[in-house]
C-alpha atoms as a PDB file:
ATOM      1  CA  MET A   1     113.083  74.431 105.568  1.00  0.00           C
ATOM      2  CA  LYS A   2     111.218  76.734 103.386  1.00  0.00           C
ATOM      3  CA  ARG A   3     109.526  79.888 104.718  1.00  0.00           C
ATOM      4  CA  ASN A   4     105.679  80.237 104.378  1.00  0.00           C
ATOM      5  CA  ILE A   5     104.539  83.250 102.468  1.00  0.00           C
ATOM      6  CA  LEU A   6     100.989  84.458 102.135  1.00  0.00           C
ATOM      7  CA  VAL A   7     100.244  86.425  98.925  1.00  0.00           C
ATOM      8  CA  VAL A   8      96.896  88.295  98.954  1.00  0.00           C
ATOM      9  CA  ASP A   9      95.989  90.065  95.625  1.00  0.00           C
ATOM     10  CA  ASP A  10      92.890  90.036  93.334  1.00  0.00           C
ATOM     11  CA  GLU A  11      94.757  89.996  90.261  1.00  0.00           C
ATOM     12  CA  VAL A  12      95.339  86.285  89.128  1.00  0.00           C
ATOM     13  CA  ASN A  13      98.216  87.309  86.957  1.00  0.00           C
ATOM     14  CA  MET A  14     100.051  89.100  89.593  1.00  0.00           C
ATOM     15  CA  LEU A  15      99.411  85.995  91.953  1.00  0.00           C
ATOM     16  CA  ASN A  16     100.886  83.587  89.296  1.00  0.00           C
ATOM     17  CA  LEU A  17     103.898  85.906  88.737  1.00  0.00           C
ATOM     18  CA  ILE A  18     104.724  86.030  92.429  1.00  0.00           C
ATOM     19  CA  ARG A  19     104.435  82.427  92.794  1.00  0.00           C
ATOM     20  CA  VAL A  20     106.764  81.822  89.847  1.00  0.00           C
ATOM     21  CA  HIS A  21     109.371  83.925  90.887  1.00  0.00           C
ATOM     22  CA  LEU A  22     109.407  83.099  94.669  1.00  0.00           C
ATOM     23  CA  SER A  23     108.258  79.429  94.884  1.00  0.00           C
ATOM     24  CA  LYS A  24     111.801  78.238  94.449  1.00  0.00           C
ATOM     25  CA  ASP A  25     112.820  79.524  97.940  1.00  0.00           C
ATOM     26  CA  TYR A  26     109.589  79.833  99.715  1.00  0.00           C
ATOM     27  CA  ASN A  27     106.236  78.035 100.118  1.00  0.00           C
ATOM     28  CA  ILE A  28     103.767  80.304  98.588  1.00  0.00           C
ATOM     29  CA  ILE A  29     100.192  80.418  99.486  1.00  0.00           C
ATOM     30  CA  LEU A  30      97.899  82.434  97.273  1.00  0.00           C
ATOM     31  CA  THR A  31      94.465  83.907  97.938  1.00  0.00           C
ATOM     32  CA  ASN A  32      92.526  86.592  96.063  1.00  0.00           C
ATOM     33  CA  ASN A  33      90.439  88.067  98.994  1.00  0.00           C
ATOM     34  CA  GLY A  34      90.795  89.193 102.510  1.00  0.00           C
ATOM     35  CA  TYR A  35      88.344  86.867 104.166  1.00  0.00           C
ATOM     36  CA  ASP A  36      89.994  83.716 102.865  1.00  0.00           C
ATOM     37  CA  ALA A  37      93.517  85.491 104.116  1.00  0.00           C
ATOM     38  CA  LEU A  38      92.023  85.639 107.617  1.00  0.00           C
ATOM     39  CA  GLU A  39      91.040  82.082 107.544  1.00  0.00           C
ATOM     40  CA  LYS A  40      94.282  80.980 106.512  1.00  0.00           C
ATOM     41  CA  LEU A  41      96.016  82.954 109.112  1.00  0.00           C
ATOM     42  CA  ASN A  42      93.931  81.321 111.765  1.00  0.00           C
ATOM     43  CA  ASN A  43      94.978  77.986 110.594  1.00  0.00           C
ATOM     44  CA  GLN A  44      98.594  78.293 109.544  1.00  0.00           C
ATOM     45  CA  THR A  45     101.825  80.181 110.576  1.00  0.00           C
ATOM     46  CA  PHE A  46     103.153  82.651 107.998  1.00  0.00           C
ATOM     47  CA  ASP A  47     106.776  84.249 107.866  1.00  0.00           C
ATOM     48  CA  LEU A  48     105.592  87.090 105.621  1.00  0.00           C
ATOM     49  CA  ILE A  49     102.390  88.488 104.098  1.00  0.00           C
ATOM     50  CA  ILE A  50     102.504  90.230 100.592  1.00  0.00           C
ATOM     51  CA  LEU A  51      99.318  92.266 100.641  1.00  0.00           C
ATOM     52  CA  ASP A  52      97.754  94.095  97.801  1.00  0.00           C
ATOM     53  CA  ILE A  53      95.705  97.383  98.837  1.00  0.00           C
ATOM     54  CA  MET A  54      93.083  97.624  96.173  1.00  0.00           C
ATOM     55  CA  MET A  55      90.868  94.602  96.679  1.00  0.00           C
ATOM     56  CA  PRO A  56      87.039  93.899  96.929  1.00  0.00           C
ATOM     57  CA  TYR A  57      85.295  93.094 100.250  1.00  0.00           C
ATOM     58  CA  ILE A  58      88.102  93.811 102.462  1.00  0.00           C
ATOM     59  CA  ASN A  59      90.928  96.199 101.122  1.00  0.00           C
ATOM     60  CA  GLY A  60      94.410  96.017 102.050  1.00  0.00           C
ATOM     61  CA  TRP A  61      94.292  99.056 104.563  1.00  0.00           C
ATOM     62  CA  GLU A  62      91.425  97.153 106.457  1.00  0.00           C
ATOM     63  CA  LEU A  63      93.159  93.751 106.518  1.00  0.00           C
ATOM     64  CA  CYS A  64      96.416  95.156 107.556  1.00  0.00           C
ATOM     65  CA  GLU A  65      94.761  96.699 110.508  1.00  0.00           C
ATOM     66  CA  ILE A  66      92.867  93.465 111.269  1.00  0.00           C
ATOM     67  CA  ILE A  67      96.005  91.412 111.209  1.00  0.00           C
ATOM     68  CA  ARG A  68      98.182  93.832 113.393  1.00  0.00           C
ATOM     69  CA  LYS A  69      95.593  93.595 116.189  1.00  0.00           C
ATOM     70  CA  GLU A  70      96.671  89.897 116.979  1.00  0.00           C
ATOM     71  CA  ASN A  71      99.813  89.290 114.564  1.00  0.00           C
ATOM     72  CA  ASN A  72     103.210  90.786 114.242  1.00  0.00           C
ATOM     73  CA  VAL A  73     104.095  88.993 111.032  1.00  0.00           C
ATOM     74  CA  PRO A  74     105.859  91.259 108.562  1.00  0.00           C
ATOM     75  CA  ILE A  75     103.621  92.699 105.980  1.00  0.00           C
ATOM     76  CA  LEU A  76     104.738  93.955 102.546  1.00  0.00           C
ATOM     77  CA  MET A  77     101.994  96.103 100.887  1.00  0.00           C
ATOM     78  CA  LEU A  78     101.733  96.339  97.058  1.00  0.00           C
ATOM     79  CA  THR A  79     100.061  99.005  95.368  1.00  0.00           C
ATOM     80  CA  ALA A  80      99.566 100.870  91.996  1.00  0.00           C
ATOM     81  CA  ARG A  81      99.146 104.169  93.944  1.00  0.00           C
ATOM     82  CA  ASN A  82     102.187 106.329  93.912  1.00  0.00           C
ATOM     83  CA  ASP A  83     101.077 108.715  96.464  1.00  0.00           C
ATOM     84  CA  LEU A  84     103.025 109.536  99.560  1.00  0.00           C
ATOM     85  CA  LYS A  85     100.011 109.892 101.759  1.00  0.00           C
ATOM     86  CA  ASP A  86      99.166 106.150 100.904  1.00  0.00           C
ATOM     87  CA  LYS A  87     102.620 105.107 101.853  1.00  0.00           C
ATOM     88  CA  VAL A  88     102.562 106.875 105.144  1.00  0.00           C
ATOM     89  CA  ARG A  89      99.104 105.497 105.776  1.00  0.00           C
ATOM     90  CA  GLY A  90     100.392 102.037 105.236  1.00  0.00           C
ATOM     91  CA  LEU A  91     103.280 102.322 107.686  1.00  0.00           C
ATOM     92  CA  GLU A  92     101.085 104.093 110.297  1.00  0.00           C
ATOM     93  CA  ILE A  93      98.693 100.959 110.337  1.00  0.00           C
ATOM     94  CA  GLY A  94     101.467  98.550 110.765  1.00  0.00           C
ATOM     95  CA  ALA A  95     102.973  97.741 107.387  1.00  0.00           C
ATOM     96  CA  ASP A  96     106.673  97.082 107.349  1.00  0.00           C
ATOM     97  CA  ASP A  97     107.381  97.770 103.654  1.00  0.00           C
ATOM     98  CA  TYR A  98     105.701  99.236 100.585  1.00  0.00           C
ATOM     99  CA  LEU A  99     106.164  98.342  96.859  1.00  0.00           C
ATOM    100  CA  ILE A 100     104.677 100.293  94.035  1.00  0.00           C
ATOM    101  CA  LYS A 101     103.494  98.388  90.926  1.00  0.00           C
ATOM    102  CA  PRO A 102     104.832  97.830  88.416  1.00  0.00           C
ATOM    103  CA  PHE A 103     108.044  96.614  90.086  1.00  0.00           C
ATOM    104  CA  ALA A 104     111.013  94.474  89.110  1.00  0.00           C
ATOM    105  CA  PHE A 105     110.743  91.031  90.599  1.00  0.00           C
ATOM    106  CA  GLU A 106     114.257  91.038  91.666  1.00  0.00           C
ATOM    107  CA  GLU A 107     113.394  93.947  93.850  1.00  0.00           C
ATOM    108  CA  LEU A 108     110.511  92.152  95.467  1.00  0.00           C
ATOM    109  CA  ALA A 109     112.799  89.160  96.265  1.00  0.00           C
ATOM    110  CA  ALA A 110     115.292  91.386  97.804  1.00  0.00           C
ATOM    111  CA  ARG A 111     112.632  93.022 100.086  1.00  0.00           C
ATOM    112  CA  VAL A 112     111.071  89.657 100.937  1.00  0.00           C
ATOM    113  CA  ARG A 113     114.545  88.487 101.925  1.00  0.00           C
ATOM    114  CA  ALA A 114     115.321  91.309 104.007  1.00  0.00           C
ATOM    115  CA  LEU A 115     111.987  91.359 105.948  1.00  0.00           C
ATOM    116  CA  ILE A 116     112.114  87.634 106.796  1.00  0.00           C
ATOM    117  CA  ARG A 117     115.779  88.069 107.874  1.00  0.00           C
ATOM    118  CA  ARG A 118     115.032  90.807 110.141  1.00  0.00           C
ATOM    119  CA  SER A 119     111.900  89.367 111.717  1.00  0.00           C
ATOM    120  CA  SER A 120     113.547  85.946 112.249  1.00  0.00           C
ATOM    121  CA  GLY A 121     116.738  87.307 113.991  1.00  0.00           C
ATOM    122  CA  ASP A 122     118.911  85.873 111.224  1.00  0.00           C
ATOM    123  CA  LYS A 123     120.541  89.372 110.821  1.00  0.00           C
ATOM    124  CA  ILE A 124     121.619  90.378 114.326  1.00  0.00           C
ATOM    125  CA  ILE A 125     121.680  93.908 115.130  1.00  0.00           C
ATOM    126  CA  GLU A 126     125.187  94.221 117.052  1.00  0.00           C
ATOM    127  CA  SER A 127     125.126  94.531 120.541  1.00  0.00           C
ATOM    128  CA  ILE A 128     126.760  92.858 123.641  1.00  0.00           C
ATOM    129  CA  GLU A 129     123.768  92.879 125.694  1.00  0.00           C
ATOM    130  CA  GLN A 130     121.064  90.545 124.728  1.00  0.00           C
ATOM    131  CA  VAL A 131     118.651  91.833 127.305  1.00  0.00           C
ATOM    132  CA  ILE A 132     118.389  95.493 128.298  1.00  0.00           C
ATOM    133  CA  ASN A 133     116.793  96.566 131.488  1.00  0.00           C
ATOM    134  CA  THR A 134     115.952 100.204 132.272  1.00  0.00           C
ATOM    135  CA  SER A 135     113.729 101.002 135.353  1.00  0.00           C
ATOM    136  CA  ASN A 136     110.379  99.340 134.493  1.00  0.00           C
ATOM    137  CA  LEU A 137     111.288  98.470 130.916  1.00  0.00           C
ATOM    138  CA  GLU A 138     112.812  95.101 129.684  1.00  0.00           C
ATOM    139  CA  ILE A 139     113.805  94.583 126.085  1.00  0.00           C
ATOM    140  CA  HIS A 140     114.787  90.870 125.145  1.00  0.00           C
ATOM    141  CA  PHE A 141     116.642  90.550 121.718  1.00  0.00           C
ATOM    142  CA  GLU A 142     116.562  86.804 121.123  1.00  0.00           C
ATOM    143  CA  SER A 143     112.721  86.510 121.905  1.00  0.00           C
ATOM    144  CA  ARG A 144     112.108  89.994 120.366  1.00  0.00           C
ATOM    145  CA  ARG A 145     109.953  90.842 123.367  1.00  0.00           C
ATOM    146  CA  VAL A 146     109.448  94.217 125.127  1.00  0.00           C
ATOM    147  CA  LYS A 147     108.005  94.256 128.655  1.00  0.00           C
ATOM    148  CA  VAL A 148     106.673  97.209 130.550  1.00  0.00           C
ATOM    149  CA  LYS A 149     106.057  96.569 134.393  1.00  0.00           C
ATOM    150  CA  ASN A 150     106.361  92.844 133.492  1.00  0.00           C
ATOM    151  CA  LYS A 151     103.703  92.776 130.863  1.00  0.00           C
ATOM    152  CA  ILE A 152     104.484  92.242 127.177  1.00  0.00           C
ATOM    153  CA  VAL A 153     103.953  95.005 124.676  1.00  0.00           C
ATOM    154  CA  GLU A 154     103.570  94.037 120.998  1.00  0.00           C
ATOM    155  CA  PHE A 155     105.594  95.719 118.543  1.00  0.00           C
ATOM    156  CA  THR A 156     105.921  95.194 114.803  1.00  0.00           C
ATOM    157  CA  PRO A 157     109.235  93.815 113.571  1.00  0.00           C
ATOM    158  CA  LYS A 158     110.607  97.291 112.392  1.00  0.00           C
ATOM    159  CA  GLU A 159     109.329  98.874 115.439  1.00  0.00           C
ATOM    160  CA  PHE A 160     111.203  96.255 117.717  1.00  0.00           C
ATOM    161  CA  GLU A 161     114.437  96.721 115.423  1.00  0.00           C
ATOM    162  CA  LEU A 162     114.232 100.528 116.035  1.00  0.00           C
ATOM    163  CA  ILE A 163     113.845 100.128 119.721  1.00  0.00           C
ATOM    164  CA  TRP A 164     116.801  97.619 120.026  1.00  0.00           C
ATOM    165  CA  LEU A 165     119.022  99.527 117.843  1.00  0.00           C
ATOM    166  CA  LEU A 166     118.482 102.734 119.785  1.00  0.00           C
ATOM    167  CA  ALA A 167     118.531 101.181 123.098  1.00  0.00           C
ATOM    168  CA  SER A 168     121.614  98.962 122.523  1.00  0.00           C
ATOM    169  CA  ASN A 169     123.612 102.139 121.462  1.00  0.00           C
ATOM    170  CA  SER A 170     122.416 104.387 124.087  1.00  0.00           C
ATOM    171  CA  PRO A 171     123.039 107.445 124.379  1.00  0.00           C
ATOM    172  CA  GLN A 172     124.275 107.630 120.728  1.00  0.00           C
ATOM    173  CA  ILE A 173     122.054 109.894 118.703  1.00  0.00           C
ATOM    174  CA  PHE A 174     120.900 108.483 115.422  1.00  0.00           C
ATOM    175  CA  THR A 175     120.006 110.636 112.480  1.00  0.00           C
ATOM    176  CA  ARG A 176     116.815 109.669 110.425  1.00  0.00           C
ATOM    177  CA  GLU A 177     119.102 108.738 107.352  1.00  0.00           C
ATOM    178  CA  LEU A 178     121.244 106.571 109.528  1.00  0.00           C
ATOM    179  CA  LEU A 179     118.086 105.011 110.908  1.00  0.00           C
ATOM    180  CA  LEU A 180     116.704 104.421 107.309  1.00  0.00           C
ATOM    181  CA  ASP A 181     120.379 102.816 106.209  1.00  0.00           C
ATOM    182  CA  ARG A 182     120.352 100.296 109.319  1.00  0.00           C
ATOM    183  CA  ILE A 183     116.616  99.337 109.633  1.00  0.00           C
ATOM    184  CA  TRP A 184     115.194  99.715 105.966  1.00  0.00           C
ATOM    185  CA  GLY A 185     118.413  99.468 104.042  1.00  0.00           C
ATOM    186  CA  ILE A 186     117.297  98.504 100.469  1.00  0.00           C
ATOM    187  CA  GLN A 187     114.514 101.103 100.006  1.00  0.00           C
ATOM    188  CA  ASP A 188     115.055 103.462  97.179  1.00  0.00           C
ATOM    189  CA  GLU A 189     112.745 106.188  98.196  1.00  0.00           C
ATOM    190  CA  ARG A 190     114.200 107.752 101.436  1.00  0.00           C
ATOM    191  CA  GLU A 191     111.387 109.347 103.181  1.00  0.00           C
ATOM    192  CA  PHE A 192     112.128 110.387 106.632  1.00  0.00           C
ATOM    193  CA  ARG A 193     108.671 110.421 107.607  1.00  0.00           C
ATOM    194  CA  THR A 194     109.031 106.594 107.478  1.00  0.00           C
ATOM    195  CA  VAL A 195     111.215 106.843 110.644  1.00  0.00           C
ATOM    196  CA  ASP A 196     109.036 109.534 112.225  1.00  0.00           C
ATOM    197  CA  THR A 197     105.882 107.322 111.936  1.00  0.00           C
ATOM    198  CA  HIS A 198     107.296 104.332 113.533  1.00  0.00           C
ATOM    199  CA  ILE A 199     108.827 106.394 116.207  1.00  0.00           C
ATOM    200  CA  LYS A 200     105.389 107.981 116.757  1.00  0.00           C
ATOM    201  CA  ASN A 201     103.877 104.445 116.862  1.00  0.00           C
ATOM    202  CA  ILE A 202     106.276 102.987 119.384  1.00  0.00           C
ATOM    203  CA  ARG A 203     105.702 106.043 121.631  1.00  0.00           C
ATOM    204  CA  VAL A 204     101.858 105.573 121.562  1.00  0.00           C
ATOM    205  CA  LYS A 205     102.357 101.853 122.539  1.00  0.00           C
ATOM    206  CA  PHE A 206     104.758 102.812 125.343  1.00  0.00           C
ATOM    207  CA  ARG A 207     102.220 105.382 126.563  1.00  0.00           C
ATOM    208  CA  GLU A 208      99.306 103.039 126.410  1.00  0.00           C
ATOM    209  CA  ALA A 209     101.396 100.470 128.412  1.00  0.00           C
ATOM    210  CA  GLN A 210     101.744 103.016 131.187  1.00  0.00           C
ATOM    211  CA  CYS A 211     105.550 103.354 130.655  1.00  0.00           C
ATOM    212  CA  LEU A 212     106.620 105.975 133.275  1.00  0.00           C
ATOM    213  CA  LEU A 213     108.355 108.140 130.754  1.00  0.00           C
ATOM    214  CA  ASN A 214     109.108 107.694 127.068  1.00  0.00           C
ATOM    215  CA  PRO A 215     112.792 106.421 126.644  1.00  0.00           C
ATOM    216  CA  ILE A 216     112.950 107.441 123.093  1.00  0.00           C
ATOM    217  CA  ARG A 217     113.844 111.125 122.939  1.00  0.00           C
ATOM    218  CA  THR A 218     113.914 113.523 119.984  1.00  0.00           C
ATOM    219  CA  VAL A 219     117.069 115.519 119.723  1.00  0.00           C
ATOM    220  CA  TRP A 220     115.722 118.315 117.680  1.00  0.00           C
ATOM    221  CA  GLY A 221     117.516 119.214 114.465  1.00  0.00           C
ATOM    222  CA  VAL A 222     119.505 115.853 114.645  1.00  0.00           C
ATOM    223  CA  GLY A 223     117.408 112.724 115.284  1.00  0.00           C
ATOM    224  CA  TYR A 224     116.517 110.257 117.931  1.00  0.00           C
ATOM    225  CA  LYS A 225     118.300 108.602 121.019  1.00  0.00           C
ATOM    226  CA  PHE A 226     117.349 106.097 123.701  1.00  0.00           C
ATOM    227  CA  GLU A 227     117.674 107.474 127.248  1.00  0.00           C
ATOM    228  CA  ASP A 228     117.311 105.316 130.334  1.00  0.00           C
ATOM    229  CA  ILE A 229     114.055 106.324 132.150  1.00  0.00           C
ATOM    230  CA  GLU A 230     115.921 106.524 135.646  1.00  0.00           C
ATOM    231  CA  LYS A 231     118.233 109.211 134.179  1.00  0.00           C
ATOM    232  CA  LEU A 232     115.377 111.483 132.760  1.00  0.00           C
END
């Protein structure tokens, strides 16, 4: 069964090109504005959203934030702006990947495959344990759920992968470069701030969920590790 991909871009040529290059392997649904995209999301389930930033009415930043409040579907943002601040902003508001126009459609297809594979669990992060319990924290791999005090805390696909990778390999320390390799893999521009931004977002969500102590610890000058709350 083909996966469903929603493409949101106000450039008709870009919409048509993406459809031509991806429709062989996916069901491609097109829209040229944010309002219509939200309506489609309310009526249909998607495996990925490809989202342009510069659009009228609701821009890509705003639409990404709205989607992230209720939906963890992977989001790949497209933009003609090659500014690091824009990339960081996109990742901070919940985007999973970021591709700068103009791009090779082979690269777009590769990133689409990687995001869908990771979010669906087709690519399993190796671990003997499928459920990790630490104090008042539960991490379920197959359902990709994280519970704090028996309440589910919502994380984006990449946030969950970071949590699972660190938790299932505790107390191993992961450098930022290793985390980029394991979680993002195919990205050409290797920005350590990508990792730091996602770790920051994870910590905020744990804190808002009233987790006793944050289990993701910074090892200064090295990277990050997961530490059982009971041992802190």
